[in-house]
Amino acid sequence: MTTYPNPALASDNITIQYGVESSVEKVEINIIDMNGRLIFTAEEGSKTSGLYNLNVPAGTLSVGSYIYSIEADGARMAKRMEILK
């Protein structure tokens, strides 16, 4: 799982790229601010093995640091991203 650009400018579109090794029934991507508030969520549904992209307009997020996570069939991975002016 990766995001680009990272750091992103408020005028950018952020692409979250993730891969699944085998078919999963439910993929959910969340963006959480540093205060623990859920800012954005995307239910991607079921996916077969492969690479996928989710585009998020950075302008929907305030300047600052965020944690983005992917959850699929009970497994979770999280990383950090930055939004700049």
C-alpha atoms as a PDB file:
ATOM      1  CA  MET A   1       0.000   0.000   0.000  1.00  0.00           C
ATOM      2  CA  THR A   2       1.315   3.430  -0.933  1.00  0.00           C
ATOM      3  CA  THR A   3       0.101   6.961  -1.654  1.00  0.00           C
ATOM      4  CA  TYR A   4       1.351   9.422  -4.195  1.00  0.00           C
ATOM      5  CA  PRO A   5       2.141  12.172  -4.110  1.00  0.00           C
ATOM      6  CA  ASN A   6       3.170  12.082  -0.452  1.00  0.00           C
ATOM      7  CA  PRO A   7       3.424  14.744   0.751  1.00  0.00           C
ATOM      8  CA  ALA A   8       0.569  16.109  -1.335  1.00  0.00           C
ATOM      9  CA  LEU A   9      -0.495  19.677  -1.979  1.00  0.00           C
ATOM     10  CA  ALA A  10      -4.101  20.710  -1.311  1.00  0.00           C
ATOM     11  CA  SER A  11      -4.601  21.059  -5.087  1.00  0.00           C
ATOM     12  CA  ASP A  12      -3.453  17.478  -5.816  1.00  0.00           C
ATOM     13  CA  ASN A  13      -5.406  14.296  -6.233  1.00  0.00           C
ATOM     14  CA  ILE A  14      -4.017  11.641  -3.922  1.00  0.00           C
ATOM     15  CA  THR A  15      -3.835   8.111  -5.258  1.00  0.00           C
ATOM     16  CA  ILE A  16      -3.895   5.315  -2.715  1.00  0.00           C
ATOM     17  CA  GLN A  17      -2.573   2.185  -4.389  1.00  0.00           C
ATOM     18  CA  TYR A  18      -3.096  -1.148  -2.706  1.00  0.00           C
ATOM     19  CA  GLY A  19      -2.813  -4.789  -3.599  1.00  0.00           C
ATOM     20  CA  VAL A  20      -4.551  -7.930  -2.456  1.00  0.00           C
ATOM     21  CA  GLU A  21      -2.852 -11.321  -2.667  1.00  0.00           C
ATOM     22  CA  SER A  22      -6.018 -13.383  -2.872  1.00  0.00           C
ATOM     23  CA  SER A  23      -9.727 -12.706  -3.282  1.00  0.00           C
ATOM     24  CA  VAL A  24     -11.322 -10.807  -0.395  1.00  0.00           C
ATOM     25  CA  GLU A  25     -14.987 -10.153   0.336  1.00  0.00           C
ATOM     26  CA  LYS A  26     -14.682  -6.609   1.664  1.00  0.00           C
ATOM     27  CA  VAL A  27     -12.041  -3.893   1.321  1.00  0.00           C
ATOM     28  CA  GLU A  28     -12.400  -0.651   3.283  1.00  0.00           C
ATOM     29  CA  ILE A  29     -10.035   2.323   3.163  1.00  0.00           C
ATOM     30  CA  ASN A  30     -10.103   4.950   5.919  1.00  0.00           C
ATOM     31  CA  ILE A  31      -8.307   8.255   6.456  1.00  0.00           C
ATOM     32  CA  ILE A  32      -7.998   9.329  10.085  1.00  0.00           C
ATOM     33  CA  ASP A  33      -6.666  12.642  11.396  1.00  0.00           C
ATOM     34  CA  MET A  34      -4.086  12.817  14.181  1.00  0.00           C
ATOM     35  CA  ASN A  35      -6.874  13.340  16.741  1.00  0.00           C
ATOM     36  CA  GLY A  36      -8.359   9.952  15.840  1.00  0.00           C
ATOM     37  CA  ARG A  37     -11.342  11.317  13.900  1.00  0.00           C
ATOM     38  CA  LEU A  38     -12.465   9.420  10.815  1.00  0.00           C
ATOM     39  CA  ILE A  39     -12.210  11.920   7.950  1.00  0.00           C
ATOM     40  CA  PHE A  40     -12.818   9.760   4.877  1.00  0.00           C
ATOM     41  CA  THR A  41     -13.954   6.219   4.193  1.00  0.00           C
ATOM     42  CA  ALA A  42     -14.325   4.216   0.998  1.00  0.00           C
ATOM     43  CA  GLU A  43     -15.965   0.819   0.800  1.00  0.00           C
ATOM     44  CA  GLU A  44     -14.326  -0.910  -2.135  1.00  0.00           C
ATOM     45  CA  GLY A  45     -16.358  -4.124  -1.853  1.00  0.00           C
ATOM     46  CA  SER A  46     -15.007  -7.493  -2.929  1.00  0.00           C
ATOM     47  CA  LYS A  47     -11.748  -7.687  -4.898  1.00  0.00           C
ATOM     48  CA  THR A  48      -9.829 -10.433  -6.664  1.00  0.00           C
ATOM     49  CA  SER A  49      -6.048 -10.602  -6.363  1.00  0.00           C
ATOM     50  CA  GLY A  50      -4.290  -7.664  -8.010  1.00  0.00           C
ATOM     51  CA  LEU A  51      -3.402  -3.973  -7.699  1.00  0.00           C
ATOM     52  CA  TYR A  52      -6.036  -1.264  -7.272  1.00  0.00           C
ATOM     53  CA  ASN A  53      -6.100   2.558  -7.083  1.00  0.00           C
ATOM     54  CA  LEU A  54      -8.382   4.863  -5.126  1.00  0.00           C
ATOM     55  CA  ASN A  55      -8.296   8.605  -5.919  1.00  0.00           C
ATOM     56  CA  VAL A  56      -8.990  11.104  -3.137  1.00  0.00           C
ATOM     57  CA  PRO A  57      -9.075  14.890  -3.819  1.00  0.00           C
ATOM     58  CA  ALA A  58      -6.559  16.381  -1.352  1.00  0.00           C
ATOM     59  CA  GLY A  59      -8.684  19.546  -1.231  1.00  0.00           C
ATOM     60  CA  THR A  60     -11.218  17.604   0.854  1.00  0.00           C
ATOM     61  CA  LEU A  61      -8.575  17.315   3.601  1.00  0.00           C
ATOM     62  CA  SER A  62      -7.100  20.081   5.740  1.00  0.00           C
ATOM     63  CA  VAL A  63      -3.365  20.716   5.857  1.00  0.00           C
ATOM     64  CA  GLY A  64      -1.725  18.260   8.250  1.00  0.00           C
ATOM     65  CA  SER A  65      -0.776  14.655   8.937  1.00  0.00           C
ATOM     66  CA  TYR A  66      -3.106  11.702   8.491  1.00  0.00           C
ATOM     67  CA  ILE A  67      -3.110   7.958   8.893  1.00  0.00           C
ATOM     68  CA  TYR A  68      -4.626   5.974   6.047  1.00  0.00           C
ATOM     69  CA  SER A  69      -5.524   2.344   6.498  1.00  0.00           C
ATOM     70  CA  ILE A  70      -6.806  -0.535   4.463  1.00  0.00           C
ATOM     71  CA  GLU A  71      -8.844  -3.312   6.014  1.00  0.00           C
ATOM     72  CA  ALA A  72      -9.589  -6.532   4.156  1.00  0.00           C
ATOM     73  CA  ASP A  73     -11.106  -9.696   5.647  1.00  0.00           C
ATOM     74  CA  GLY A  74      -9.964  -8.817   9.167  1.00  0.00           C
ATOM     75  CA  ALA A  75      -6.392  -7.804   8.240  1.00  0.00           C
ATOM     76  CA  ARG A  76      -5.335  -4.162   8.517  1.00  0.00           C
ATOM     77  CA  MET A  77      -2.386  -2.079   7.348  1.00  0.00           C
ATOM     78  CA  ALA A  78      -1.836   1.601   8.124  1.00  0.00           C
ATOM     79  CA  LYS A  79       0.602   4.282   6.951  1.00  0.00           C
ATOM     80  CA  ARG A  80       1.061   8.028   7.301  1.00  0.00           C
ATOM     81  CA  MET A  81       0.546  10.773   4.728  1.00  0.00           C
ATOM     82  CA  GLU A  82       0.967  14.561   4.708  1.00  0.00           C
ATOM     83  CA  ILE A  83      -1.086  17.350   3.140  1.00  0.00           C
ATOM     84  CA  LEU A  84       0.727  20.659   2.561  1.00  0.00           C
ATOM     85  CA  LYS A  85      -0.547  24.109   1.510  1.00  0.00           C
END
